[in-house]
Amino acid sequence: MGYFVDHRTKQIHHSQFAGDRCGFLQTPVKEREFTDDSGYIEGLADQKEYNVCPHCQTAQSSVG
């Protein structure tokens, strides 16, 4: 699974499900990173206090 890391807000997103509710659009491109390395992601979460985004655990939909 691919991950999208927002280094400005210290949020880890699942690339497949990331969307508008995740709030990363204000983050400059140079502070964004894409990776498939789950070990790297676990290290960010454990050692650098990054958080998994609660909005992109499943597909987002805009019904209404």
PDB file of N, CA and C in Angstrom:
ATOM      1  N   MET A   1       0.850  -1.184   0.000  1.00  0.00           N
ATOM      2  CA  MET A   1       0.000   0.000   0.000  1.00  0.00           C
ATOM      3  C   MET A   1       0.890   1.241   0.000  1.00  0.00           C
ATOM      4  N   GLY A   2       0.489   2.253  -0.704  1.00  0.00           N
ATOM      5  CA  GLY A   2       1.237   3.499  -0.770  1.00  0.00           C
ATOM      6  C   GLY A   2       0.827   4.460   0.329  1.00  0.00           C
ATOM      7  N   TYR A   3       1.781   5.270   0.726  1.00  0.00           N
ATOM      8  CA  TYR A   3       1.539   6.253   1.778  1.00  0.00           C
ATOM      9  C   TYR A   3       1.935   7.636   1.281  1.00  0.00           C
ATOM     10  N   PHE A   4       1.263   8.618   1.817  1.00  0.00           N
ATOM     11  CA  PHE A   4       1.545  10.013   1.551  1.00  0.00           C
ATOM     12  C   PHE A   4       1.815  10.655   2.907  1.00  0.00           C
ATOM     13  N   VAL A   5       2.998  11.222   3.072  1.00  0.00           N
ATOM     14  CA  VAL A   5       3.396  11.810   4.352  1.00  0.00           C
ATOM     15  C   VAL A   5       3.378  13.332   4.230  1.00  0.00           C
ATOM     16  N   ASP A   6       2.650  13.958   5.114  1.00  0.00           N
ATOM     17  CA  ASP A   6       2.603  15.412   5.201  1.00  0.00           C
ATOM     18  C   ASP A   6       3.521  15.790   6.356  1.00  0.00           C
ATOM     19  N   HIS A   7       4.724  16.257   6.036  1.00  0.00           N
ATOM     20  CA  HIS A   7       5.708  16.565   7.065  1.00  0.00           C
ATOM     21  C   HIS A   7       5.378  17.859   7.814  1.00  0.00           C
ATOM     22  N   ARG A   8       4.568  18.722   7.243  1.00  0.00           N
ATOM     23  CA  ARG A   8       4.192  19.965   7.925  1.00  0.00           C
ATOM     24  C   ARG A   8       3.266  19.680   9.103  1.00  0.00           C
ATOM     25  N   THR A   9       2.267  18.822   8.884  1.00  0.00           N
ATOM     26  CA  THR A   9       1.305  18.512   9.940  1.00  0.00           C
ATOM     27  C   THR A   9       1.604  17.196  10.653  1.00  0.00           C
ATOM     28  N   LYS A  10       2.648  16.495  10.193  1.00  0.00           N
ATOM     29  CA  LYS A  10       3.036  15.192  10.744  1.00  0.00           C
ATOM     30  C   LYS A  10       1.889  14.194  10.667  1.00  0.00           C
ATOM     31  N   GLN A  11       1.269  14.142   9.495  1.00  0.00           N
ATOM     32  CA  GLN A  11       0.180  13.209   9.250  1.00  0.00           C
ATOM     33  C   GLN A  11       0.604  12.183   8.201  1.00  0.00           C
ATOM     34  N   ILE A  12       0.199  10.943   8.420  1.00  0.00           N
ATOM     35  CA  ILE A  12       0.439   9.861   7.471  1.00  0.00           C
ATOM     36  C   ILE A  12      -0.891   9.505   6.839  1.00  0.00           C
ATOM     37  N   HIS A  13      -0.942   9.559   5.521  1.00  0.00           N
ATOM     38  CA  HIS A  13      -2.164   9.274   4.769  1.00  0.00           C
ATOM     39  C   HIS A  13      -1.983   8.015   3.934  1.00  0.00           C
ATOM     40  N   HIS A  14      -3.050   7.296   3.711  1.00  0.00           N
ATOM     41  CA  HIS A  14      -3.042   6.195   2.760  1.00  0.00           C
ATOM     42  C   HIS A  14      -3.315   6.817   1.396  1.00  0.00           C
ATOM     43  N   SER A  15      -2.368   6.701   0.490  1.00  0.00           N
ATOM     44  CA  SER A  15      -2.477   7.349  -0.824  1.00  0.00           C
ATOM     45  C   SER A  15      -3.783   7.017  -1.527  1.00  0.00           C
ATOM     46  N   GLN A  16      -4.207   5.787  -1.413  1.00  0.00           N
ATOM     47  CA  GLN A  16      -5.409   5.313  -2.103  1.00  0.00           C
ATOM     48  C   GLN A  16      -6.664   6.044  -1.634  1.00  0.00           C
ATOM     49  N   PHE A  17      -6.707   6.463  -0.378  1.00  0.00           N
ATOM     50  CA  PHE A  17      -7.921   7.038   0.192  1.00  0.00           C
ATOM     51  C   PHE A  17      -7.825   8.523   0.537  1.00  0.00           C
ATOM     52  N   ALA A  18      -6.658   9.135   0.370  1.00  0.00           N
ATOM     53  CA  ALA A  18      -6.486  10.543   0.740  1.00  0.00           C
ATOM     54  C   ALA A  18      -7.404  11.435  -0.094  1.00  0.00           C
ATOM     55  N   GLY A  19      -7.990  12.417   0.562  1.00  0.00           N
ATOM     56  CA  GLY A  19      -8.912  13.315  -0.129  1.00  0.00           C
ATOM     57  C   GLY A  19      -9.004  14.669   0.550  1.00  0.00           C
ATOM     58  N   ASP A  20      -9.986  15.433   0.171  1.00  0.00           N
ATOM     59  CA  ASP A  20     -10.144  16.805   0.660  1.00  0.00           C
ATOM     60  C   ASP A  20     -10.235  16.901   2.173  1.00  0.00           C
ATOM     61  N   ARG A  21     -10.899  15.948   2.808  1.00  0.00           N
ATOM     62  CA  ARG A  21     -11.075  16.023   4.267  1.00  0.00           C
ATOM     63  C   ARG A  21      -9.755  15.885   5.015  1.00  0.00           C
ATOM     64  N   CYS A  22      -8.741  15.360   4.373  1.00  0.00           N
ATOM     65  CA  CYS A  22      -7.441  15.159   5.032  1.00  0.00           C
ATOM     66  C   CYS A  22      -6.728  16.483   5.298  1.00  0.00           C
ATOM     67  N   GLY A  23      -7.032  17.521   4.549  1.00  0.00           N
ATOM     68  CA  GLY A  23      -6.500  18.850   4.813  1.00  0.00           C
ATOM     69  C   GLY A  23      -5.057  19.088   4.422  1.00  0.00           C
ATOM     70  N   PHE A  24      -4.533  18.336   3.472  1.00  0.00           N
ATOM     71  CA  PHE A  24      -3.125  18.510   3.106  1.00  0.00           C
ATOM     72  C   PHE A  24      -2.912  19.493   1.964  1.00  0.00           C
ATOM     73  N   LEU A  25      -3.947  20.058   1.428  1.00  0.00           N
ATOM     74  CA  LEU A  25      -3.808  20.953   0.272  1.00  0.00           C
ATOM     75  C   LEU A  25      -3.032  22.222   0.600  1.00  0.00           C
ATOM     76  N   GLN A  26      -2.998  22.620   1.867  1.00  0.00           N
ATOM     77  CA  GLN A  26      -2.260  23.813   2.266  1.00  0.00           C
ATOM     78  C   GLN A  26      -0.762  23.529   2.463  1.00  0.00           C
ATOM     79  N   THR A  27      -0.382  22.281   2.470  1.00  0.00           N
ATOM     80  CA  THR A  27       1.020  21.910   2.678  1.00  0.00           C
ATOM     81  C   THR A  27       1.803  22.091   1.386  1.00  0.00           C
ATOM     82  N   PRO A  28       2.908  22.830   1.432  1.00  0.00           N
ATOM     83  CA  PRO A  28       3.735  23.001   0.232  1.00  0.00           C
ATOM     84  C   PRO A  28       4.240  21.648  -0.289  1.00  0.00           C
ATOM     85  N   VAL A  29       4.385  21.548  -1.591  1.00  0.00           N
ATOM     86  CA  VAL A  29       4.806  20.302  -2.231  1.00  0.00           C
ATOM     87  C   VAL A  29       6.130  19.800  -1.657  1.00  0.00           C
ATOM     88  N   LYS A  30       7.041  20.700  -1.327  1.00  0.00           N
ATOM     89  CA  LYS A  30       8.346  20.276  -0.810  1.00  0.00           C
ATOM     90  C   LYS A  30       8.248  19.629   0.573  1.00  0.00           C
ATOM     91  N   GLU A  31       7.099  19.747   1.232  1.00  0.00           N
ATOM     92  CA  GLU A  31       6.904  19.130   2.540  1.00  0.00           C
ATOM     93  C   GLU A  31       6.013  17.901   2.461  1.00  0.00           C
ATOM     94  N   ARG A  32       5.819  17.371   1.247  1.00  0.00           N
ATOM     95  CA  ARG A  32       5.025  16.160   1.022  1.00  0.00           C
ATOM     96  C   ARG A  32       5.948  15.053   0.519  1.00  0.00           C
ATOM     97  N   GLU A  33       5.639  13.830   0.882  1.00  0.00           N
ATOM     98  CA  GLU A  33       6.461  12.698   0.457  1.00  0.00           C
ATOM     99  C   GLU A  33       5.569  11.486   0.199  1.00  0.00           C
ATOM    100  N   PHE A  34       5.869  10.747  -0.869  1.00  0.00           N
ATOM    101  CA  PHE A  34       5.162   9.520  -1.191  1.00  0.00           C
ATOM    102  C   PHE A  34       6.111   8.349  -0.998  1.00  0.00           C
ATOM    103  N   THR A  35       5.619   7.259  -0.401  1.00  0.00           N
ATOM    104  CA  THR A  35       6.460   6.090  -0.170  1.00  0.00           C
ATOM    105  C   THR A  35       5.612   4.830  -0.094  1.00  0.00           C
ATOM    106  N   ASP A  36       6.230   3.706  -0.385  1.00  0.00           N
ATOM    107  CA  ASP A  36       5.604   2.392  -0.219  1.00  0.00           C
ATOM    108  C   ASP A  36       6.256   1.628   0.934  1.00  0.00           C
ATOM    109  N   ASP A  37       7.179   2.251   1.623  1.00  0.00           N
ATOM    110  CA  ASP A  37       7.979   1.613   2.667  1.00  0.00           C
ATOM    111  C   ASP A  37       7.237   1.638   4.008  1.00  0.00           C
ATOM    112  N   SER A  38       6.585   0.526   4.351  1.00  0.00           N
ATOM    113  CA  SER A  38       5.808   0.474   5.589  1.00  0.00           C
ATOM    114  C   SER A  38       6.709   0.550   6.823  1.00  0.00           C
ATOM    115  N   GLY A  39       7.936   0.077   6.733  1.00  0.00           N
ATOM    116  CA  GLY A  39       8.876   0.193   7.843  1.00  0.00           C
ATOM    117  C   GLY A  39       9.213   1.638   8.143  1.00  0.00           C
ATOM    118  N   TYR A  40       9.401   2.425   7.108  1.00  0.00           N
ATOM    119  CA  TYR A  40       9.667   3.854   7.252  1.00  0.00           C
ATOM    120  C   TYR A  40       8.472   4.538   7.925  1.00  0.00           C
ATOM    121  N   ILE A  41       7.273   4.179   7.494  1.00  0.00           N
ATOM    122  CA  ILE A  41       6.045   4.759   8.051  1.00  0.00           C
ATOM    123  C   ILE A  41       5.920   4.400   9.526  1.00  0.00           C
ATOM    124  N   GLU A  42       6.190   3.144   9.866  1.00  0.00           N
ATOM    125  CA  GLU A  42       6.133   2.730  11.272  1.00  0.00           C
ATOM    126  C   GLU A  42       7.145   3.508  12.110  1.00  0.00           C
ATOM    127  N   GLY A  43       8.321   3.763  11.541  1.00  0.00           N
ATOM    128  CA  GLY A  43       9.336   4.545  12.238  1.00  0.00           C
ATOM    129  C   GLY A  43       8.886   5.973  12.491  1.00  0.00           C
ATOM    130  N   LEU A  44       8.246   6.576  11.512  1.00  0.00           N
ATOM    131  CA  LEU A  44       7.728   7.937  11.698  1.00  0.00           C
ATOM    132  C   LEU A  44       6.696   7.959  12.808  1.00  0.00           C
ATOM    133  N   ALA A  45       5.815   6.977  12.798  1.00  0.00           N
ATOM    134  CA  ALA A  45       4.748   6.928  13.802  1.00  0.00           C
ATOM    135  C   ALA A  45       5.316   6.666  15.197  1.00  0.00           C
ATOM    136  N   ASP A  46       6.327   5.829  15.296  1.00  0.00           N
ATOM    137  CA  ASP A  46       6.880   5.459  16.607  1.00  0.00           C
ATOM    138  C   ASP A  46       7.872   6.482  17.146  1.00  0.00           C
ATOM    139  N   GLN A  47       8.811   6.897  16.321  1.00  0.00           N
ATOM    140  CA  GLN A  47       9.926   7.704  16.811  1.00  0.00           C
ATOM    141  C   GLN A  47       9.733   9.211  16.648  1.00  0.00           C
ATOM    142  N   LYS A  48       8.990   9.620  15.649  1.00  0.00           N
ATOM    143  CA  LYS A  48       8.863  11.055  15.388  1.00  0.00           C
ATOM    144  C   LYS A  48       7.464  11.583  15.657  1.00  0.00           C
ATOM    145  N   GLU A  49       6.628  10.753  16.248  1.00  0.00           N
ATOM    146  CA  GLU A  49       5.296  11.166  16.667  1.00  0.00           C
ATOM    147  C   GLU A  49       4.391  11.635  15.528  1.00  0.00           C
ATOM    148  N   TYR A  50       4.508  10.993  14.385  1.00  0.00           N
ATOM    149  CA  TYR A  50       3.578  11.254  13.297  1.00  0.00           C
ATOM    150  C   TYR A  50       2.289  10.491  13.586  1.00  0.00           C
ATOM    151  N   ASN A  51       1.167  11.020  13.121  1.00  0.00           N
ATOM    152  CA  ASN A  51      -0.133  10.403  13.350  1.00  0.00           C
ATOM    153  C   ASN A  51      -0.744   9.928  12.042  1.00  0.00           C
ATOM    154  N   VAL A  52      -1.497   8.841  12.109  1.00  0.00           N
ATOM    155  CA  VAL A  52      -2.222   8.347  10.943  1.00  0.00           C
ATOM    156  C   VAL A  52      -3.495   9.172  10.807  1.00  0.00           C
ATOM    157  N   CYS A  53      -3.727   9.681   9.627  1.00  0.00           N
ATOM    158  CA  CYS A  53      -4.909  10.508   9.364  1.00  0.00           C
ATOM    159  C   CYS A  53      -6.186   9.681   9.562  1.00  0.00           C
ATOM    160  N   PRO A  54      -7.117  10.177  10.355  1.00  0.00           N
ATOM    161  CA  PRO A  54      -8.362   9.441  10.582  1.00  0.00           C
ATOM    162  C   PRO A  54      -9.318   9.491   9.389  1.00  0.00           C
ATOM    163  N   HIS A  55      -9.068  10.391   8.450  1.00  0.00           N
ATOM    164  CA  HIS A  55      -9.986  10.578   7.327  1.00  0.00           C
ATOM    165  C   HIS A  55      -9.713   9.674   6.133  1.00  0.00           C
ATOM    166  N   CYS A  56      -8.557   9.051   6.077  1.00  0.00           N
ATOM    167  CA  CYS A  56      -8.256   8.268   4.865  1.00  0.00           C
ATOM    168  C   CYS A  56      -7.974   6.802   5.177  1.00  0.00           C
ATOM    169  N   GLN A  57      -8.725   6.262   6.099  1.00  0.00           N
ATOM    170  CA  GLN A  57      -8.645   4.833   6.402  1.00  0.00           C
ATOM    171  C   GLN A  57      -9.520   4.027   5.446  1.00  0.00           C
ATOM    172  N   THR A  58     -10.555   4.664   4.917  1.00  0.00           N
ATOM    173  CA  THR A  58     -11.429   4.053   3.924  1.00  0.00           C
ATOM    174  C   THR A  58     -11.737   5.103   2.868  1.00  0.00           C
ATOM    175  N   ALA A  59     -12.348   4.675   1.793  1.00  0.00           N
ATOM    176  CA  ALA A  59     -12.671   5.584   0.695  1.00  0.00           C
ATOM    177  C   ALA A  59     -13.596   6.695   1.159  1.00  0.00           C
ATOM    178  N   GLN A  60     -13.317   7.925   0.722  1.00  0.00           N
ATOM    179  CA  GLN A  60     -14.159   9.064   1.043  1.00  0.00           C
ATOM    180  C   GLN A  60     -15.196   9.226  -0.061  1.00  0.00           C
ATOM    181  N   SER A  61     -16.365   9.612   0.321  1.00  0.00           N
ATOM    182  CA  SER A  61     -17.398   9.878  -0.673  1.00  0.00           C
ATOM    183  C   SER A  61     -18.075  11.184  -0.334  1.00  0.00           C
ATOM    184  N   SER A  62     -18.609  11.803  -1.347  1.00  0.00           N
ATOM    185  CA  SER A  62     -19.326  13.052  -1.122  1.00  0.00           C
ATOM    186  C   SER A  62     -20.757  12.872  -1.591  1.00  0.00           C
ATOM    187  N   VAL A  63     -21.572  12.383  -0.685  1.00  0.00           N
ATOM    188  CA  VAL A  63     -22.982  12.153  -0.955  1.00  0.00           C
ATOM    189  C   VAL A  63     -23.755  13.335  -0.399  1.00  0.00           C
ATOM    190  N   GLY A  64     -24.635  13.838  -1.187  1.00  0.00           N
ATOM    191  CA  GLY A  64     -25.389  14.946  -0.627  1.00  0.00           C
ATOM    192  C   GLY A  64     -25.945  15.721  -1.696  1.00  0.00           C
TER     193      GLY A  64
END
